[in-house]
Amino acid sequence: MTTQERAAWQTLDSGQLLLIASAGLFVIVALTQVAAVGLVQPDVAVIFGVLIALGELFRMVMPGNREVAPIASAGAIGYALLVGVGPTGAEVDPKLGVVLATHSPLQVVAVTAVGMLIGSLPHIAVGRSSGLDAMARRLFTVAVVALCFRPLVTAGLDRQLLLAMMGVIAVFACFADVMVASMIRAEAVRTRFGIAVRDEIRAKMALCAATTATAMLVAVSTTVMGPAALLIFTAPILVTQFAFRRYAGVRATYLQTVRALSRVTEVGGYVETGHSRRVSRLAVAMGRELGMCEEEQLELEYAALMHDIGQLSLADPIPGGATVLASPTEQRRIAELGSEVIRQTGVLDRVAHIVHLSSHPYRTGHGEAQGATAATATPVDRPVPPPLASRIIKVANAYDDLVGDSGDRDRGAAVLERLRLDSASEYDPTVVEALSRVVDRYVRR
């Protein structure tokens, strides 16, 4: 095994490896069974296999590094839900009025696995990731549908009941996919399972609904019209895929632009090389630790990358770019100027607000009226703590300003202790403890 291959495998956590191994074992069993008894209705199997392969070829990556293949999933689930293959033939079922699709659940798994493999070969040939964990999860979802629905096709149920069961099983499969994805993501990004479930529902539910609806449409139309219906009824999911691809492209462009903009301070010598990236990484990890949802984490990442952009206004750069060593007035001025730069984009107002308040002390807040004391302040005058994202950036920035890219554990521990001592007014103690847990994980890795 090459160094590159070892590195690829080492990026997989135990949950992903277990899912891939389980799917691989299931595929071996399915292929062995199909090889022993032969393909049932091979022409239909080939048509669906080609559709799955094409869908896998045009798979895409959604925000959050989620790989999806909606056309392949719709084709595979449609094959699992297939009741019949048209109204004409020698073996028309008298009750349903169609030629029954009598393929087994294991044949569904085998056809899906072969189609996915063929569709992935061009990706592998050009050096892209094989996406084994995402493929294994899609295969697991298809297997759940097939194992639940295929026995019902030959059970003699009437048409209405079959349609109802089709809908119930499709919804259950969508739920199962979200649960498996959430368990893997919770382990991969070290977040709580409940947060991972919420993020997966927000990110995937619309696409999952479109995929399962198209799968049911494909199954029903193929049953009524025959395999030719596949050419007509895969169009809705194709349009949906293009819409989601455009959305993902816009998100990726935003992030690339922000990352490029954040490097201006490094190139100009205002901050140390890698400072913005390190603060961003720490901030996002702390956000996960504190239960922030994925959309909030994205805004946090934007703000953390650009939190020092206000330093470009300084006539004399701060030594080492360490704003934690600057006066409170200078820190606020840098944050305010940086927020104004960000606000000029016209689309990142919330990010600008986070950066603006990232220099404010935790206890003093940003809502205290000048000249008001704790005894005389009205409810409106009393301090309002900065948003959680601002408090996170303040702590992450202070830590990296004092530690930098040093791997010295004693130095890191000393800085954490200093931040804890300043938690009486300057830093949120809850955020500091979250940083401590995040740093401890990085050190143990």
Protein backbone atom coordinates (compact mmCIF):
# COMPACT_ATOMS: atom_id res chain seq x y z
CA MET A 1 0.00 0.00 0.00
CA THR A 2 1.39 3.43 -0.97
CA THR A 3 1.82 6.36 1.42
CA GLN A 4 -1.04 8.19 -0.33
CA GLU A 5 -3.37 5.19 0.08
CA ARG A 6 -2.45 4.87 3.77
CA ALA A 7 -3.18 8.55 4.30
CA ALA A 8 -6.59 8.17 2.67
CA TRP A 9 -7.51 5.26 4.92
CA GLN A 10 -6.26 7.07 8.01
CA THR A 11 -8.78 9.87 7.41
CA LEU A 12 -11.62 7.41 8.02
CA ASP A 13 -12.86 7.03 11.57
CA SER A 14 -14.04 3.77 13.13
CA GLY A 15 -17.70 4.38 12.27
CA GLN A 16 -16.91 4.88 8.59
CA LEU A 17 -14.69 1.81 8.48
CA LEU A 18 -17.39 -0.30 10.14
CA LEU A 19 -20.01 0.92 7.65
CA ILE A 20 -17.72 0.22 4.67
CA ALA A 21 -16.83 -3.25 5.97
CA SER A 22 -20.49 -4.13 6.62
CA ALA A 23 -21.53 -2.91 3.17
CA GLY A 24 -18.69 -4.83 1.55
CA LEU A 25 -19.69 -8.05 3.29
CA PHE A 26 -23.32 -7.53 2.27
CA VAL A 27 -22.29 -6.94 -1.37
CA ILE A 28 -20.24 -10.15 -1.42
CA VAL A 29 -23.24 -12.13 -0.15
CA ALA A 30 -25.54 -10.47 -2.72
CA LEU A 31 -23.17 -11.08 -5.65
CA THR A 32 -22.71 -14.70 -4.60
CA GLN A 33 -26.48 -15.26 -4.47
CA VAL A 34 -27.07 -13.62 -7.86
CA ALA A 35 -24.21 -15.60 -9.42
CA ALA A 36 -25.74 -18.81 -8.07
CA VAL A 37 -29.34 -18.27 -9.26
CA GLY A 38 -28.78 -15.85 -12.15
CA LEU A 39 -30.32 -12.45 -12.86
CA VAL A 40 -34.10 -12.28 -12.73
CA GLN A 41 -35.48 -10.12 -15.57
CA PRO A 42 -31.96 -9.16 -16.70
CA ASP A 43 -33.08 -6.48 -19.18
CA VAL A 44 -34.72 -4.48 -16.37
CA ALA A 45 -31.70 -5.02 -14.10
CA VAL A 46 -29.34 -3.70 -16.78
CA ILE A 47 -31.46 -0.59 -17.42
CA PHE A 48 -31.56 0.32 -13.74
CA GLY A 49 -27.87 -0.53 -13.36
CA VAL A 50 -27.00 1.91 -16.17
CA LEU A 51 -29.14 4.62 -14.53
CA ILE A 52 -27.35 4.06 -11.20
CA ALA A 53 -23.94 4.19 -12.89
CA LEU A 54 -24.79 7.48 -14.64
CA GLY A 55 -26.06 8.93 -11.37
CA GLU A 56 -22.85 7.92 -9.61
CA LEU A 57 -20.84 9.48 -12.42
CA PHE A 58 -22.62 12.83 -11.86
CA ARG A 59 -22.48 12.76 -8.06
CA MET A 60 -21.67 16.03 -6.30
CA VAL A 61 -20.37 17.39 -3.01
CA MET A 62 -22.75 19.46 -0.91
CA PRO A 63 -21.83 22.00 1.80
CA GLY A 64 -20.30 20.29 4.81
CA ASN A 65 -18.34 17.95 2.53
CA ARG A 66 -21.40 15.74 2.02
CA GLU A 67 -21.17 13.60 -1.08
CA VAL A 68 -24.55 12.89 -2.69
CA ALA A 69 -25.68 11.12 -5.85
CA PRO A 70 -29.42 11.85 -6.10
CA ILE A 71 -29.94 10.28 -9.54
CA ALA A 72 -28.16 7.09 -8.50
CA SER A 73 -30.10 6.96 -5.23
CA ALA A 74 -33.42 7.55 -6.98
CA GLY A 75 -32.67 4.82 -9.50
CA ALA A 76 -31.57 2.31 -6.88
CA ILE A 77 -34.50 2.98 -4.53
CA GLY A 78 -36.86 2.92 -7.54
CA TYR A 79 -35.53 -0.53 -8.44
CA ALA A 80 -36.06 -1.68 -4.85
CA LEU A 81 -39.66 -0.36 -4.94
CA LEU A 82 -40.46 -1.74 -8.40
CA VAL A 83 -43.72 -3.69 -8.46
CA GLY A 84 -43.96 -4.55 -12.15
CA VAL A 85 -42.38 -3.97 -15.54
CA GLY A 86 -45.33 -3.01 -17.72
CA PRO A 87 -48.86 -4.20 -18.52
CA THR A 88 -47.98 -6.68 -21.28
CA GLY A 89 -46.29 -10.04 -21.14
CA ALA A 90 -46.89 -13.73 -20.65
CA GLU A 91 -47.00 -13.56 -16.86
CA VAL A 92 -49.35 -10.66 -16.14
CA ASP A 93 -50.51 -10.70 -12.53
CA PRO A 94 -54.35 -10.91 -12.60
CA LYS A 95 -54.72 -8.83 -9.44
CA LEU A 96 -52.36 -5.98 -10.33
CA GLY A 97 -52.64 -6.21 -14.09
CA VAL A 98 -48.87 -6.02 -14.70
CA VAL A 99 -45.90 -8.33 -15.08
CA LEU A 100 -44.55 -8.62 -11.55
CA ALA A 101 -40.96 -7.66 -10.86
CA THR A 102 -39.81 -10.73 -8.95
CA HIS A 103 -36.18 -9.84 -8.30
CA SER A 104 -34.94 -10.42 -4.76
CA PRO A 105 -33.59 -7.86 -2.25
CA LEU A 106 -30.10 -9.28 -2.74
CA GLN A 107 -30.37 -8.70 -6.50
CA VAL A 108 -31.22 -5.05 -5.77
CA VAL A 109 -28.07 -4.78 -3.64
CA ALA A 110 -25.94 -6.49 -6.29
CA VAL A 111 -27.21 -4.32 -9.18
CA THR A 112 -26.80 -1.17 -7.08
CA ALA A 113 -23.26 -2.09 -6.02
CA VAL A 114 -22.14 -2.90 -9.57
CA GLY A 115 -23.72 0.30 -10.92
CA MET A 116 -22.02 2.39 -8.21
CA LEU A 117 -18.66 0.75 -8.91
CA ILE A 118 -18.89 1.35 -12.68
CA GLY A 119 -19.98 4.96 -12.14
CA SER A 120 -17.07 5.55 -9.74
CA LEU A 121 -14.35 4.29 -12.09
CA PRO A 122 -13.99 7.62 -14.00
CA HIS A 123 -13.64 9.46 -10.66
CA ILE A 124 -10.94 7.04 -9.54
CA ALA A 125 -9.19 7.29 -12.92
CA VAL A 126 -8.74 11.06 -12.59
CA GLY A 127 -7.55 10.83 -8.99
CA ARG A 128 -10.72 11.91 -7.16
CA SER A 129 -11.76 10.32 -3.89
CA SER A 130 -13.64 7.04 -4.30
CA GLY A 131 -16.13 8.15 -1.62
CA LEU A 132 -16.47 4.67 -0.18
CA ASP A 133 -18.15 5.80 3.02
CA ALA A 134 -20.83 7.79 1.17
CA MET A 135 -21.38 4.94 -1.28
CA ALA A 136 -21.70 2.48 1.61
CA ARG A 137 -24.32 4.69 3.26
CA ARG A 138 -26.33 4.97 0.03
CA LEU A 139 -26.11 1.20 -0.41
CA PHE A 140 -27.29 0.70 3.16
CA THR A 141 -30.36 2.88 2.50
CA VAL A 142 -31.19 0.94 -0.66
CA ALA A 143 -30.77 -2.36 1.18
CA VAL A 144 -33.21 -1.22 3.90
CA VAL A 145 -35.82 -0.38 1.26
CA ALA A 146 -35.30 -3.64 -0.63
CA LEU A 147 -35.43 -5.86 2.45
CA CYS A 148 -38.62 -4.17 3.66
CA PHE A 149 -40.49 -3.89 0.34
CA ARG A 150 -39.51 -6.77 -1.95
CA PRO A 151 -41.30 -9.45 0.14
CA LEU A 152 -44.52 -7.39 -0.09
CA VAL A 153 -44.55 -7.53 -3.91
CA THR A 154 -45.17 -11.29 -3.91
CA ALA A 155 -47.43 -11.24 -0.83
CA GLY A 156 -50.62 -10.64 -2.85
CA LEU A 157 -51.37 -7.15 -1.52
CA ASP A 158 -53.68 -4.91 -3.53
CA ARG A 159 -52.43 -1.83 -5.39
CA GLN A 160 -53.52 0.78 -2.83
CA LEU A 161 -51.87 -1.00 0.06
CA LEU A 162 -48.66 -1.46 -1.91
CA LEU A 163 -48.57 2.26 -2.69
CA ALA A 164 -49.12 3.12 0.97
CA MET A 165 -46.36 0.76 2.08
CA MET A 166 -44.10 2.19 -0.61
CA GLY A 167 -44.50 5.66 0.88
CA VAL A 168 -43.98 4.48 4.46
CA ILE A 169 -40.83 2.53 3.59
CA ALA A 170 -39.42 5.44 1.54
CA VAL A 171 -39.86 7.79 4.51
CA PHE A 172 -38.30 5.22 6.84
CA ALA A 173 -35.33 4.84 4.48
CA CYS A 174 -34.82 8.60 4.47
CA PHE A 175 -34.90 8.61 8.27
CA ALA A 176 -32.42 5.71 8.42
CA ASP A 177 -30.04 7.51 6.06
CA VAL A 178 -30.13 10.65 8.23
CA MET A 179 -29.48 8.62 11.38
CA VAL A 180 -26.51 6.74 9.91
CA ALA A 181 -25.06 9.95 8.45
CA SER A 182 -25.51 11.69 11.81
CA MET A 183 -23.73 8.95 13.75
CA ILE A 184 -20.78 9.03 11.37
CA ARG A 185 -20.63 12.82 11.30
CA ALA A 186 -20.85 13.10 15.08
CA GLU A 187 -17.76 10.93 15.39
CA ALA A 188 -15.93 12.50 12.45
CA VAL A 189 -16.26 16.13 13.58
CA ARG A 190 -16.48 15.40 17.34
CA THR A 191 -19.89 16.94 17.93
CA ARG A 192 -22.94 15.84 19.90
CA PHE A 193 -25.27 13.40 18.18
CA GLY A 194 -28.28 15.70 18.56
CA ILE A 195 -26.44 18.55 16.85
CA ALA A 196 -25.34 16.21 14.06
CA VAL A 197 -28.94 15.05 13.53
CA ARG A 198 -30.16 18.64 13.30
CA ASP A 199 -27.45 19.54 10.80
CA GLU A 200 -28.15 16.48 8.64
CA ILE A 201 -31.88 17.20 8.57
CA ARG A 202 -31.29 20.81 7.52
CA ALA A 203 -28.70 19.87 4.92
CA LYS A 204 -30.26 16.78 3.39
CA MET A 205 -33.98 16.61 4.06
CA ALA A 206 -35.03 18.61 0.97
CA LEU A 207 -32.80 16.56 -1.31
CA CYS A 208 -33.82 13.33 0.43
CA ALA A 209 -37.50 14.16 -0.10
CA ALA A 210 -36.88 14.91 -3.79
CA THR A 211 -34.91 11.69 -4.21
CA THR A 212 -37.45 9.40 -2.57
CA ALA A 213 -40.36 11.08 -4.36
CA THR A 214 -38.60 10.56 -7.69
CA ALA A 215 -37.83 6.95 -6.76
CA MET A 216 -41.50 6.28 -6.08
CA LEU A 217 -42.44 8.03 -9.33
CA VAL A 218 -39.91 5.90 -11.23
CA ALA A 219 -41.21 2.69 -9.63
CA VAL A 220 -44.88 3.46 -10.30
CA SER A 221 -44.35 4.77 -13.86
CA THR A 222 -42.16 1.80 -14.80
CA THR A 223 -44.80 -0.56 -13.42
CA VAL A 224 -47.48 1.08 -15.55
CA MET A 225 -45.55 2.02 -18.70
CA GLY A 226 -42.52 -0.24 -18.71
CA PRO A 227 -38.79 0.61 -18.62
CA ALA A 228 -39.23 3.46 -21.14
CA ALA A 229 -40.71 5.56 -18.32
CA LEU A 230 -37.23 5.93 -16.81
CA LEU A 231 -36.26 8.38 -19.54
CA ILE A 232 -39.18 10.68 -18.65
CA PHE A 233 -39.44 10.53 -14.88
CA THR A 234 -35.80 10.99 -13.93
CA ALA A 235 -35.97 14.58 -15.24
CA PRO A 236 -37.28 16.10 -11.94
CA ILE A 237 -34.35 14.82 -9.91
CA LEU A 238 -31.96 15.98 -12.63
CA VAL A 239 -33.30 19.54 -12.36
CA THR A 240 -33.08 19.33 -8.56
CA GLN A 241 -29.49 18.15 -8.76
CA PHE A 242 -28.48 21.10 -10.94
CA ALA A 243 -30.13 23.50 -8.46
CA PHE A 244 -28.30 21.97 -5.50
CA ARG A 245 -25.02 21.94 -7.45
CA ARG A 246 -25.37 25.67 -8.10
CA TYR A 247 -26.11 26.31 -4.42
CA ALA A 248 -23.07 24.29 -3.38
CA GLY A 249 -20.95 26.18 -5.90
CA VAL A 250 -22.01 29.55 -4.48
CA ARG A 251 -21.17 28.41 -0.94
CA ALA A 252 -17.77 27.12 -2.06
CA THR A 253 -17.02 30.40 -3.89
CA TYR A 254 -17.87 32.42 -0.77
CA LEU A 255 -15.52 30.34 1.36
CA GLN A 256 -12.69 30.49 -1.16
CA THR A 257 -13.06 34.27 -1.42
CA VAL A 258 -13.05 34.70 2.35
CA ARG A 259 -9.96 32.49 2.71
CA ALA A 260 -8.15 34.49 0.04
CA LEU A 261 -9.14 37.77 1.70
CA SER A 262 -7.97 36.53 5.09
CA ARG A 263 -4.44 36.00 3.72
CA VAL A 264 -4.02 39.68 2.87
CA THR A 265 -2.96 40.44 6.46
CA GLU A 266 -0.41 37.60 6.35
CA VAL A 267 1.04 38.65 3.00
CA GLY A 268 1.28 42.24 4.24
CA GLY A 269 3.17 41.14 7.36
CA TYR A 270 0.49 42.29 9.80
CA VAL A 271 -0.02 38.84 11.36
CA GLU A 272 1.99 35.63 11.51
CA THR A 273 1.64 33.16 8.67
CA GLY A 274 -1.18 30.72 9.33
CA HIS A 275 -2.70 32.75 12.16
CA SER A 276 -6.12 33.22 10.55
CA ARG A 277 -6.33 29.56 9.55
CA ARG A 278 -5.39 28.37 13.04
CA VAL A 279 -7.88 30.72 14.72
CA SER A 280 -10.58 29.56 12.29
CA ARG A 281 -9.87 25.89 12.98
CA LEU A 282 -9.93 26.40 16.73
CA ALA A 283 -13.07 28.55 16.57
CA VAL A 284 -15.06 26.04 14.51
CA ALA A 285 -14.00 23.18 16.79
CA MET A 286 -15.07 25.21 19.84
CA GLY A 287 -18.36 26.06 18.13
CA ARG A 288 -19.07 22.36 17.65
CA GLU A 289 -18.12 21.70 21.26
CA LEU A 290 -20.62 24.33 22.39
CA GLY A 291 -23.46 22.97 20.24
CA MET A 292 -23.57 25.48 17.38
CA CYS A 293 -25.43 24.31 14.30
CA GLU A 294 -23.69 24.02 10.94
CA GLU A 295 -24.98 27.34 9.57
CA GLU A 296 -23.73 29.13 12.68
CA GLN A 297 -20.38 27.36 12.36
CA LEU A 298 -20.06 28.59 8.77
CA GLU A 299 -20.59 32.21 9.85
CA LEU A 300 -18.13 31.62 12.69
CA GLU A 301 -15.54 30.32 10.21
CA TYR A 302 -15.99 33.37 7.96
CA ALA A 303 -15.64 35.74 10.92
CA ALA A 304 -12.62 33.91 12.35
CA LEU A 305 -10.82 34.00 9.02
CA MET A 306 -11.35 37.76 8.66
CA HIS A 307 -11.20 38.89 12.30
CA ASP A 308 -7.83 40.66 11.83
CA ILE A 309 -8.51 42.36 8.51
CA GLY A 310 -8.89 45.70 10.31
CA GLN A 311 -5.13 45.65 10.98
CA LEU A 312 -4.62 46.81 7.41
CA SER A 313 -5.54 50.31 8.61
CA LEU A 314 -2.63 50.47 11.05
CA ALA A 315 0.28 52.75 10.16
CA ASP A 316 2.59 50.67 12.35
CA PRO A 317 1.81 46.92 12.53
CA ILE A 318 1.49 45.37 15.98
CA PRO A 319 4.60 43.28 16.77
CA GLY A 320 3.81 39.74 15.66
CA GLY A 321 0.26 40.83 14.85
CA ALA A 322 -0.80 39.88 18.39
CA THR A 323 -3.87 42.04 19.00
CA VAL A 324 -4.18 40.52 22.49
CA LEU A 325 -1.17 42.67 23.44
CA ALA A 326 -2.74 45.87 22.08
CA SER A 327 -4.74 48.30 24.20
CA PRO A 328 -8.51 47.71 24.48
CA THR A 329 -9.14 50.89 22.49
CA GLU A 330 -6.85 49.73 19.69
CA GLN A 331 -8.46 46.27 19.68
CA ARG A 332 -11.91 47.79 19.27
CA ARG A 333 -10.72 50.10 16.51
CA ILE A 334 -9.25 47.16 14.58
CA ALA A 335 -12.46 45.14 15.01
CA GLU A 336 -14.68 48.06 13.95
CA LEU A 337 -12.63 48.80 10.83
CA GLY A 338 -12.57 45.11 9.94
CA SER A 339 -16.33 44.83 10.30
CA GLU A 340 -16.78 47.83 8.00
CA VAL A 341 -14.66 46.15 5.33
CA ILE A 342 -16.73 42.97 5.61
CA ARG A 343 -19.99 44.89 5.55
CA GLN A 344 -19.04 46.35 2.17
CA THR A 345 -19.59 42.92 0.60
CA GLY A 346 -23.32 43.42 1.09
CA VAL A 347 -23.95 39.75 1.91
CA LEU A 348 -22.03 39.16 5.16
CA ASP A 349 -23.66 41.60 7.56
CA ARG A 350 -23.99 39.00 10.33
CA VAL A 351 -20.33 38.09 9.94
CA ALA A 352 -19.44 41.78 10.17
CA HIS A 353 -21.46 42.04 13.40
CA ILE A 354 -19.57 39.08 14.88
CA VAL A 355 -16.19 40.61 14.00
CA HIS A 356 -17.27 44.01 15.35
CA LEU A 357 -18.02 42.56 18.79
CA SER A 358 -15.12 40.08 18.92
CA SER A 359 -12.96 42.62 20.79
CA HIS A 360 -15.52 43.37 23.53
CA PRO A 361 -14.90 41.90 27.01
CA TYR A 362 -17.30 39.19 28.10
CA ARG A 363 -18.46 40.82 31.36
CA THR A 364 -18.51 44.43 30.20
CA GLY A 365 -20.38 43.46 27.05
CA HIS A 366 -21.46 45.98 24.43
CA GLY A 367 -24.71 47.39 25.81
CA GLU A 368 -23.45 49.35 28.82
CA ALA A 369 -24.36 53.05 28.74
CA GLN A 370 -21.44 55.38 29.27
CA GLY A 371 -21.34 56.71 32.81
CA ALA A 372 -23.88 54.20 34.12
CA THR A 373 -22.96 52.15 37.16
CA ALA A 374 -24.23 48.72 38.09
CA ALA A 375 -26.53 50.31 40.67
CA THR A 376 -28.00 53.00 38.44
CA ALA A 377 -28.14 51.18 35.09
CA THR A 378 -31.57 50.51 33.66
CA PRO A 379 -32.34 47.15 32.02
CA VAL A 380 -31.51 48.75 28.66
CA ASP A 381 -28.21 50.11 30.03
CA ARG A 382 -26.99 46.86 31.57
CA PRO A 383 -24.19 44.98 29.79
CA VAL A 384 -25.21 42.70 26.96
CA PRO A 385 -22.68 39.89 26.40
CA PRO A 386 -21.34 39.69 22.85
CA PRO A 387 -22.74 36.87 20.69
CA LEU A 388 -21.31 33.42 21.29
CA ALA A 389 -19.42 33.51 17.99
CA SER A 390 -17.69 36.76 19.02
CA ARG A 391 -16.76 35.30 22.40
CA ILE A 392 -15.32 32.22 20.69
CA ILE A 393 -13.19 34.28 18.30
CA LYS A 394 -11.90 36.43 21.17
CA VAL A 395 -10.69 33.34 23.06
CA ALA A 396 -9.30 31.55 19.98
CA ASN A 397 -7.46 34.67 18.83
CA ALA A 398 -5.93 35.29 22.27
CA TYR A 399 -4.76 31.67 22.50
CA ASP A 400 -3.12 31.68 19.07
CA ASP A 401 -1.58 35.13 19.61
CA LEU A 402 0.21 33.75 22.67
CA VAL A 403 0.94 30.20 21.46
CA GLY A 404 1.25 30.56 17.67
CA ASP A 405 2.22 27.42 15.80
CA SER A 406 4.21 26.09 18.76
CA GLY A 407 3.56 22.51 19.75
CA ASP A 408 4.88 23.02 23.28
CA ARG A 409 2.28 21.53 25.65
CA ASP A 410 3.58 23.44 28.67
CA ARG A 411 3.27 26.73 26.81
CA GLY A 412 -0.27 25.89 25.74
CA ALA A 413 -1.21 24.92 29.31
CA ALA A 414 0.24 28.17 30.65
CA VAL A 415 -1.76 30.23 28.14
CA LEU A 416 -4.95 28.38 29.03
CA GLU A 417 -4.35 29.12 32.69
CA ARG A 418 -3.83 32.80 31.87
CA LEU A 419 -7.13 32.87 29.96
CA ARG A 420 -8.88 31.23 32.91
CA LEU A 421 -7.53 33.91 35.26
CA ASP A 422 -8.87 36.60 32.92
CA SER A 423 -12.29 34.92 32.73
CA ALA A 424 -13.55 37.13 35.53
CA SER A 425 -14.15 39.91 33.01
CA GLU A 426 -12.37 39.48 29.67
CA TYR A 427 -13.19 35.95 28.45
CA ASP A 428 -16.24 33.73 28.71
CA PRO A 429 -15.23 30.89 31.10
CA THR A 430 -17.48 28.41 29.27
CA VAL A 431 -15.71 29.17 26.00
CA VAL A 432 -12.29 28.90 27.64
CA GLU A 433 -13.15 25.43 28.95
CA ALA A 434 -14.36 24.45 25.47
CA LEU A 435 -10.99 25.59 24.12
CA SER A 436 -9.25 23.47 26.76
CA ARG A 437 -11.12 20.35 25.59
CA VAL A 438 -10.43 21.11 21.92
CA VAL A 439 -6.71 21.69 22.52
CA ASP A 440 -6.53 18.49 24.56
CA ARG A 441 -8.00 16.54 21.62
CA TYR A 442 -5.50 18.04 19.19
CA VAL A 443 -2.60 17.16 21.50
CA ARG A 444 -3.81 13.58 21.94
CA ARG A 445 -4.05 13.17 18.17
